[in-house]
Amino acid sequence: MLDPGDELLLPDPGYPCNRHFVRTLAGVPRPTFVGPESDYQPTPQQVAEAWKTRTKGLLVASPANPTGTVLPAERMAALAGCVAERGGALLVDKIYHGLTYACQAETALALSE
């Protein structure tokens, strides 16, 4: 998915090792700063503003590490649409998928492959 020099957008704060995974592939991790106003998850507007010529996708986690926030289905769909409009890939880390208390975590696979 990434050629050397290609970029992947990553929420910040986010799992610290993700940027190292991108660098291992000679990619460029691009932090997208998120805060309480967006439930510590990127918004489609943030993604659109951060997207550049070498950007190939967006990596999110739901539930997120370290914040624990979950992307609701409609927000996941909006992010998927935003990324798809730009010809990119939405990557969703679901390692904590079953660890929710107040809601059910949605799967991005329900939206597309």
C-alpha atoms as a PDB file:
ATOM      1  CA  MET A   1       0.000   0.000   0.000  1.00  0.00           C
ATOM      2  CA  LEU A   2       2.891   2.363   0.734  1.00  0.00           C
ATOM      3  CA  ASP A   3       5.821   3.104  -1.503  1.00  0.00           C
ATOM      4  CA  PRO A   4       8.849   4.847  -0.016  1.00  0.00           C
ATOM      5  CA  GLY A   5       7.910   8.431   0.800  1.00  0.00           C
ATOM      6  CA  ASP A   6       4.144   7.823   0.785  1.00  0.00           C
ATOM      7  CA  GLU A   7       2.234   9.210   3.738  1.00  0.00           C
ATOM      8  CA  LEU A   8      -0.286   7.706   6.128  1.00  0.00           C
ATOM      9  CA  LEU A   9      -2.415   9.940   8.358  1.00  0.00           C
ATOM     10  CA  LEU A  10      -2.426   8.927  12.037  1.00  0.00           C
ATOM     11  CA  PRO A  11      -4.448  10.409  14.905  1.00  0.00           C
ATOM     12  CA  ASP A  12      -2.329  12.075  17.581  1.00  0.00           C
ATOM     13  CA  PRO A  13      -2.635  11.068  20.363  1.00  0.00           C
ATOM     14  CA  GLY A  14      -2.605   7.521  19.113  1.00  0.00           C
ATOM     15  CA  TYR A  15      -0.797   4.252  19.572  1.00  0.00           C
ATOM     16  CA  PRO A  16       2.891   5.280  19.498  1.00  0.00           C
ATOM     17  CA  CYS A  17       4.103   2.217  17.587  1.00  0.00           C
ATOM     18  CA  ASN A  18       1.915   2.975  14.548  1.00  0.00           C
ATOM     19  CA  ARG A  19       4.318   5.665  13.355  1.00  0.00           C
ATOM     20  CA  HIS A  20       7.166   3.156  13.608  1.00  0.00           C
ATOM     21  CA  PHE A  21       5.208   0.606  11.563  1.00  0.00           C
ATOM     22  CA  VAL A  22       4.807   3.216   8.814  1.00  0.00           C
ATOM     23  CA  ARG A  23       8.511   4.093   8.931  1.00  0.00           C
ATOM     24  CA  THR A  24       9.416   0.390   8.686  1.00  0.00           C
ATOM     25  CA  LEU A  25       7.809   0.460   5.229  1.00  0.00           C
ATOM     26  CA  ALA A  26       9.778   3.640   4.345  1.00  0.00           C
ATOM     27  CA  GLY A  27       6.538   5.589   4.630  1.00  0.00           C
ATOM     28  CA  VAL A  28       5.983   8.929   6.305  1.00  0.00           C
ATOM     29  CA  PRO A  29       3.642   9.031   9.315  1.00  0.00           C
ATOM     30  CA  ARG A  30       1.601  12.241   9.289  1.00  0.00           C
ATOM     31  CA  PRO A  31       0.059  13.086  12.680  1.00  0.00           C
ATOM     32  CA  THR A  32      -3.456  14.509  12.683  1.00  0.00           C
ATOM     33  CA  PHE A  33      -3.937  16.240  16.000  1.00  0.00           C
ATOM     34  CA  VAL A  34      -7.202  15.297  17.703  1.00  0.00           C
ATOM     35  CA  GLY A  35      -8.697  16.420  20.981  1.00  0.00           C
ATOM     36  CA  PRO A  36     -11.789  16.280  23.160  1.00  0.00           C
ATOM     37  CA  GLU A  37     -13.831  18.327  20.668  1.00  0.00           C
ATOM     38  CA  SER A  38     -13.666  15.381  18.225  1.00  0.00           C
ATOM     39  CA  ASP A  39     -13.695  12.587  20.836  1.00  0.00           C
ATOM     40  CA  TYR A  40      -9.986  12.077  20.128  1.00  0.00           C
ATOM     41  CA  GLN A  41     -10.771  10.734  16.661  1.00  0.00           C
ATOM     42  CA  PRO A  42     -10.150  12.495  13.327  1.00  0.00           C
ATOM     43  CA  THR A  43     -13.029  14.140  11.528  1.00  0.00           C
ATOM     44  CA  PRO A  44     -13.589  14.026   7.760  1.00  0.00           C
ATOM     45  CA  GLN A  45     -12.792  17.745   7.657  1.00  0.00           C
ATOM     46  CA  GLN A  46      -9.439  17.168   9.385  1.00  0.00           C
ATOM     47  CA  VAL A  47      -8.638  14.354   6.976  1.00  0.00           C
ATOM     48  CA  ALA A  48      -9.539  16.478   3.949  1.00  0.00           C
ATOM     49  CA  GLU A  49      -7.360  19.338   5.197  1.00  0.00           C
ATOM     50  CA  ALA A  50      -4.397  17.054   5.977  1.00  0.00           C
ATOM     51  CA  TRP A  51      -4.569  15.058   2.721  1.00  0.00           C
ATOM     52  CA  LYS A  52      -1.651  15.758   0.371  1.00  0.00           C
ATOM     53  CA  THR A  53      -0.401  14.366  -2.938  1.00  0.00           C
ATOM     54  CA  ARG A  54       1.608  11.562  -1.282  1.00  0.00           C
ATOM     55  CA  THR A  55      -1.101  10.625   1.254  1.00  0.00           C
ATOM     56  CA  LYS A  56      -2.308   7.053   0.735  1.00  0.00           C
ATOM     57  CA  GLY A  57      -4.640   6.532   3.651  1.00  0.00           C
ATOM     58  CA  LEU A  58      -5.784   6.994   7.210  1.00  0.00           C
ATOM     59  CA  LEU A  59      -5.163   4.637  10.120  1.00  0.00           C
ATOM     60  CA  VAL A  60      -7.586   4.828  13.052  1.00  0.00           C
ATOM     61  CA  ALA A  61      -8.364   2.579  15.993  1.00  0.00           C
ATOM     62  CA  SER A  62     -11.800   1.935  17.420  1.00  0.00           C
ATOM     63  CA  PRO A  63     -11.683   1.632  20.387  1.00  0.00           C
ATOM     64  CA  ALA A  64      -8.665   3.890  20.260  1.00  0.00           C
ATOM     65  CA  ASN A  65      -5.478   3.492  22.213  1.00  0.00           C
ATOM     66  CA  PRO A  66      -4.744   5.417  24.442  1.00  0.00           C
ATOM     67  CA  THR A  67      -8.050   7.335  24.628  1.00  0.00           C
ATOM     68  CA  GLY A  68     -10.574   4.479  24.506  1.00  0.00           C
ATOM     69  CA  THR A  69     -12.945   6.382  22.221  1.00  0.00           C
ATOM     70  CA  VAL A  70     -15.101   4.456  19.764  1.00  0.00           C
ATOM     71  CA  LEU A  71     -16.086   5.577  16.265  1.00  0.00           C
ATOM     72  CA  PRO A  72     -19.860   5.315  15.797  1.00  0.00           C
ATOM     73  CA  ALA A  73     -20.999   3.712  12.514  1.00  0.00           C
ATOM     74  CA  GLU A  74     -21.975   7.005  10.881  1.00  0.00           C
ATOM     75  CA  ARG A  75     -18.622   8.596  11.705  1.00  0.00           C
ATOM     76  CA  MET A  76     -16.730   5.545  10.464  1.00  0.00           C
ATOM     77  CA  ALA A  77     -18.759   5.730   7.241  1.00  0.00           C
ATOM     78  CA  ALA A  78     -17.980   9.444   6.861  1.00  0.00           C
ATOM     79  CA  LEU A  79     -14.253   8.787   7.285  1.00  0.00           C
ATOM     80  CA  ALA A  80     -14.400   5.877   4.838  1.00  0.00           C
ATOM     81  CA  GLY A  81     -16.161   8.074   2.297  1.00  0.00           C
ATOM     82  CA  CYS A  82     -13.707  10.921   2.737  1.00  0.00           C
ATOM     83  CA  VAL A  83     -10.726   8.617   2.238  1.00  0.00           C
ATOM     84  CA  ALA A  84     -12.335   6.781  -0.708  1.00  0.00           C
ATOM     85  CA  GLU A  85     -13.061  10.102  -2.471  1.00  0.00           C
ATOM     86  CA  ARG A  86      -9.314  10.702  -2.464  1.00  0.00           C
ATOM     87  CA  GLY A  87      -8.453   7.224  -3.735  1.00  0.00           C
ATOM     88  CA  GLY A  88      -6.985   6.165  -0.400  1.00  0.00           C
ATOM     89  CA  ALA A  89      -7.443   3.351   2.082  1.00  0.00           C
ATOM     90  CA  LEU A  90      -9.019   3.445   5.526  1.00  0.00           C
ATOM     91  CA  LEU A  91      -7.157   1.124   7.883  1.00  0.00           C
ATOM     92  CA  VAL A  92      -8.875   0.323  11.169  1.00  0.00           C
ATOM     93  CA  ASP A  93      -7.026  -1.212  14.100  1.00  0.00           C
ATOM     94  CA  LYS A  94      -9.609  -3.332  15.912  1.00  0.00           C
ATOM     95  CA  ILE A  95      -7.417  -5.060  18.476  1.00  0.00           C
ATOM     96  CA  TYR A  96      -9.617  -3.731  21.297  1.00  0.00           C
ATOM     97  CA  HIS A  97     -12.867  -4.251  19.364  1.00  0.00           C
ATOM     98  CA  GLY A  98     -14.583  -6.395  21.992  1.00  0.00           C
ATOM     99  CA  LEU A  99     -13.563  -4.232  24.958  1.00  0.00           C
ATOM    100  CA  THR A 100     -16.421  -1.763  25.222  1.00  0.00           C
ATOM    101  CA  TYR A 101     -18.836  -1.053  28.035  1.00  0.00           C
ATOM    102  CA  ALA A 102     -21.339   1.629  27.077  1.00  0.00           C
ATOM    103  CA  CYS A 103     -21.694   0.850  23.369  1.00  0.00           C
ATOM    104  CA  GLN A 104     -21.012  -1.693  20.663  1.00  0.00           C
ATOM    105  CA  ALA A 105     -17.951  -1.047  18.508  1.00  0.00           C
ATOM    106  CA  GLU A 106     -18.828  -1.079  14.819  1.00  0.00           C
ATOM    107  CA  THR A 107     -16.656  -2.791  12.260  1.00  0.00           C
ATOM    108  CA  ALA A 108     -15.315  -0.992   9.205  1.00  0.00           C
ATOM    109  CA  LEU A 109     -15.777  -4.231   7.269  1.00  0.00           C
ATOM    110  CA  ALA A 110     -19.506  -3.514   7.255  1.00  0.00           C
ATOM    111  CA  LEU A 111     -18.713  -0.447   5.114  1.00  0.00           C
ATOM    112  CA  SER A 112     -16.267  -1.838   2.563  1.00  0.00           C
ATOM    113  CA  GLU A 113     -13.375  -4.225   2.112  1.00  0.00           C
END
